[in-house]
N, C-alpha and C. Protein backbone atom coordinates (compact mmCIF):
# COMPACT_ATOMS: atom_id res chain seq x y z
N UNK A 1 53.05 -1.86 -65.30
CA UNK A 1 54.06 -1.33 -66.19
C UNK A 1 55.33 -1.16 -65.38
N UNK A 2 56.45 -1.73 -65.84
CA UNK A 2 57.71 -1.61 -65.15
C UNK A 2 58.57 -0.52 -65.75
N UNK A 3 59.81 -0.45 -65.26
CA UNK A 3 60.73 0.54 -65.80
C UNK A 3 61.37 0.01 -67.07
N UNK A 4 61.84 0.91 -67.90
CA UNK A 4 62.57 0.57 -69.12
C UNK A 4 63.80 1.45 -69.17
N UNK A 5 64.91 0.86 -69.62
CA UNK A 5 66.15 1.62 -69.72
C UNK A 5 66.62 1.65 -71.15
N UNK A 6 67.00 2.82 -71.61
CA UNK A 6 67.60 2.97 -72.93
C UNK A 6 69.09 3.13 -72.70
N UNK A 7 69.86 2.25 -73.32
CA UNK A 7 71.31 2.30 -73.16
C UNK A 7 71.91 2.91 -74.40
N UNK A 8 72.76 3.85 -74.23
CA UNK A 8 73.42 4.52 -75.33
C UNK A 8 74.36 5.55 -74.76
N UNK A 9 74.74 6.52 -75.58
CA UNK A 9 75.64 7.56 -75.08
C UNK A 9 75.08 8.28 -73.85
N UNK A 10 73.77 8.41 -73.78
CA UNK A 10 73.12 9.04 -72.63
C UNK A 10 72.02 8.11 -72.13
N UNK A 11 72.38 7.14 -71.30
CA UNK A 11 71.40 6.17 -70.80
C UNK A 11 70.34 6.88 -69.97
N UNK A 12 69.10 6.42 -70.10
CA UNK A 12 67.98 7.00 -69.38
C UNK A 12 67.01 5.90 -69.00
N UNK A 13 66.23 6.15 -67.97
CA UNK A 13 65.24 5.19 -67.52
C UNK A 13 63.86 5.82 -67.54
N UNK A 14 62.91 5.09 -68.12
CA UNK A 14 61.51 5.52 -68.14
C UNK A 14 60.79 4.77 -67.03
N UNK A 15 60.04 5.50 -66.22
CA UNK A 15 59.30 4.85 -65.14
C UNK A 15 57.83 5.27 -65.24
N UNK A 16 56.93 4.38 -64.82
CA UNK A 16 55.52 4.76 -64.80
C UNK A 16 55.33 5.97 -63.89
N UNK A 17 54.50 6.92 -64.31
CA UNK A 17 54.25 8.10 -63.48
C UNK A 17 53.56 7.70 -62.18
N UNK A 18 52.73 6.67 -62.24
CA UNK A 18 52.18 6.10 -61.02
C UNK A 18 50.83 6.61 -60.56
N UNK A 19 50.28 7.59 -61.25
CA UNK A 19 48.95 8.07 -60.90
C UNK A 19 48.35 8.78 -62.11
N UNK A 20 47.06 9.04 -62.04
CA UNK A 20 46.39 9.73 -63.14
C UNK A 20 46.93 11.15 -63.24
N UNK A 21 47.15 11.59 -64.46
CA UNK A 21 47.66 12.93 -64.71
C UNK A 21 46.92 13.53 -65.89
N UNK A 22 46.69 14.82 -65.83
CA UNK A 22 46.02 15.53 -66.92
C UNK A 22 46.92 16.66 -67.39
N UNK A 23 46.91 16.89 -68.69
CA UNK A 23 47.56 18.06 -69.27
C UNK A 23 46.45 19.02 -69.65
N UNK A 24 46.52 20.25 -69.11
CA UNK A 24 45.48 21.23 -69.38
C UNK A 24 46.09 22.50 -69.95
N UNK A 25 45.33 23.17 -70.80
CA UNK A 25 45.73 24.46 -71.35
C UNK A 25 44.49 25.33 -71.46
N UNK A 26 44.53 26.49 -70.84
CA UNK A 26 43.38 27.40 -70.81
C UNK A 26 42.10 26.71 -70.35
N UNK A 27 42.22 25.84 -69.35
CA UNK A 27 41.07 25.16 -68.79
C UNK A 27 40.56 23.97 -69.58
N UNK A 28 41.24 23.62 -70.67
CA UNK A 28 40.82 22.51 -71.53
C UNK A 28 41.74 21.32 -71.29
N UNK A 29 41.17 20.13 -71.12
CA UNK A 29 41.98 18.92 -70.94
C UNK A 29 42.51 18.48 -72.31
N UNK A 30 43.83 18.51 -72.45
CA UNK A 30 44.49 18.11 -73.69
C UNK A 30 44.81 16.62 -73.67
N UNK A 31 45.19 16.09 -72.50
CA UNK A 31 45.50 14.67 -72.35
C UNK A 31 45.14 14.25 -70.93
N UNK A 32 44.77 12.97 -70.78
CA UNK A 32 44.36 12.44 -69.49
C UNK A 32 44.69 10.96 -69.48
N UNK A 33 45.53 10.52 -68.52
CA UNK A 33 45.93 9.12 -68.52
C UNK A 33 46.39 8.66 -67.15
N UNK A 34 46.23 7.38 -66.88
CA UNK A 34 46.84 6.76 -65.71
C UNK A 34 47.99 5.85 -66.15
N UNK A 35 48.41 5.98 -67.41
CA UNK A 35 49.50 5.17 -67.95
C UNK A 35 50.65 6.02 -68.51
N UNK A 36 50.75 7.27 -68.06
CA UNK A 36 51.84 8.14 -68.51
C UNK A 36 53.16 7.64 -67.95
N UNK A 37 54.25 7.99 -68.61
CA UNK A 37 55.57 7.63 -68.11
C UNK A 37 56.40 8.90 -67.90
N UNK A 38 57.33 8.80 -66.96
CA UNK A 38 58.27 9.89 -66.70
C UNK A 38 59.62 9.46 -67.26
N UNK A 39 60.19 10.32 -68.08
CA UNK A 39 61.45 10.01 -68.75
C UNK A 39 62.27 11.29 -68.79
N UNK A 40 63.43 11.27 -68.15
CA UNK A 40 64.29 12.46 -68.11
C UNK A 40 63.54 13.72 -67.68
N UNK A 41 62.77 13.61 -66.61
CA UNK A 41 62.01 14.74 -66.04
C UNK A 41 60.91 15.27 -66.96
N UNK A 42 60.53 14.52 -67.96
CA UNK A 42 59.39 14.87 -68.81
C UNK A 42 58.32 13.81 -68.65
N UNK A 43 57.08 14.20 -68.79
CA UNK A 43 55.96 13.26 -68.73
C UNK A 43 55.48 13.01 -70.15
N UNK A 44 55.34 11.73 -70.51
CA UNK A 44 54.86 11.36 -71.84
C UNK A 44 53.52 10.64 -71.70
N UNK A 45 52.55 11.08 -72.47
CA UNK A 45 51.23 10.48 -72.48
C UNK A 45 51.15 9.46 -73.61
N UNK A 46 50.44 8.34 -73.39
CA UNK A 46 50.19 7.42 -74.50
C UNK A 46 49.40 8.15 -75.58
N UNK A 47 49.67 7.88 -76.85
CA UNK A 47 48.97 8.58 -77.94
C UNK A 47 47.45 8.54 -77.83
N UNK A 48 46.91 7.41 -77.36
CA UNK A 48 45.45 7.30 -77.30
C UNK A 48 44.84 8.10 -76.15
N UNK A 49 45.66 8.71 -75.31
CA UNK A 49 45.13 9.52 -74.21
C UNK A 49 45.10 11.02 -74.55
N UNK A 50 45.58 11.36 -75.73
CA UNK A 50 45.64 12.76 -76.15
C UNK A 50 44.38 13.12 -76.93
N UNK A 51 43.76 14.24 -76.57
CA UNK A 51 42.56 14.70 -77.26
C UNK A 51 42.99 15.35 -78.57
N UNK A 52 42.87 14.61 -79.67
CA UNK A 52 43.36 15.05 -80.97
C UNK A 52 42.63 16.29 -81.51
N UNK A 53 41.54 16.65 -80.89
CA UNK A 53 40.81 17.85 -81.29
C UNK A 53 41.67 19.10 -81.07
N UNK A 54 42.60 19.03 -80.12
CA UNK A 54 43.37 20.20 -79.74
C UNK A 54 44.84 20.17 -80.16
N UNK A 55 45.26 19.14 -80.85
CA UNK A 55 46.64 19.06 -81.32
C UNK A 55 46.65 18.71 -82.80
N UNK A 56 47.76 18.96 -83.44
CA UNK A 56 47.88 18.60 -84.85
C UNK A 56 49.26 18.01 -85.10
N UNK A 57 49.38 17.24 -86.15
CA UNK A 57 50.66 16.65 -86.51
C UNK A 57 51.65 17.75 -86.88
N UNK A 58 52.91 17.46 -86.66
CA UNK A 58 53.97 18.41 -86.96
C UNK A 58 54.95 17.79 -87.95
N UNK A 59 55.55 18.61 -88.77
CA UNK A 59 56.57 18.11 -89.69
C UNK A 59 57.92 17.99 -88.99
N UNK A 60 58.01 18.44 -87.74
CA UNK A 60 59.24 18.34 -86.96
C UNK A 60 59.44 16.90 -86.50
N UNK A 61 60.65 16.40 -86.62
CA UNK A 61 60.96 15.04 -86.19
C UNK A 61 62.02 15.09 -85.09
N UNK A 62 61.89 14.20 -84.13
CA UNK A 62 62.85 14.12 -83.04
C UNK A 62 63.44 12.72 -82.99
N UNK A 63 64.46 12.56 -82.17
CA UNK A 63 65.10 11.25 -82.06
C UNK A 63 64.78 10.56 -80.74
N UNK A 64 63.91 11.13 -79.95
CA UNK A 64 63.54 10.53 -78.67
C UNK A 64 62.78 9.23 -78.92
N UNK A 65 63.26 8.09 -78.38
CA UNK A 65 62.59 6.81 -78.63
C UNK A 65 61.24 6.66 -77.94
N UNK A 66 60.87 7.59 -77.06
CA UNK A 66 59.60 7.48 -76.35
C UNK A 66 58.49 8.27 -76.99
N UNK A 67 58.78 9.04 -78.01
CA UNK A 67 57.75 9.84 -78.67
C UNK A 67 57.12 9.05 -79.78
């Protein structure tokens, strides 16, 4: 996976995180992936790496192209 750049008023570059990463809350693994990306100092997990048992859809919408 290479880098990707979004060009616009606020250009940003997404880069592969480069190693396996887990998101945990209260000792429970919420997401686990070796394909996460870092974008503007945030880590994004691929949707299929998120344990849907612990998250739910939201009616909130964002404009981030990586979500």
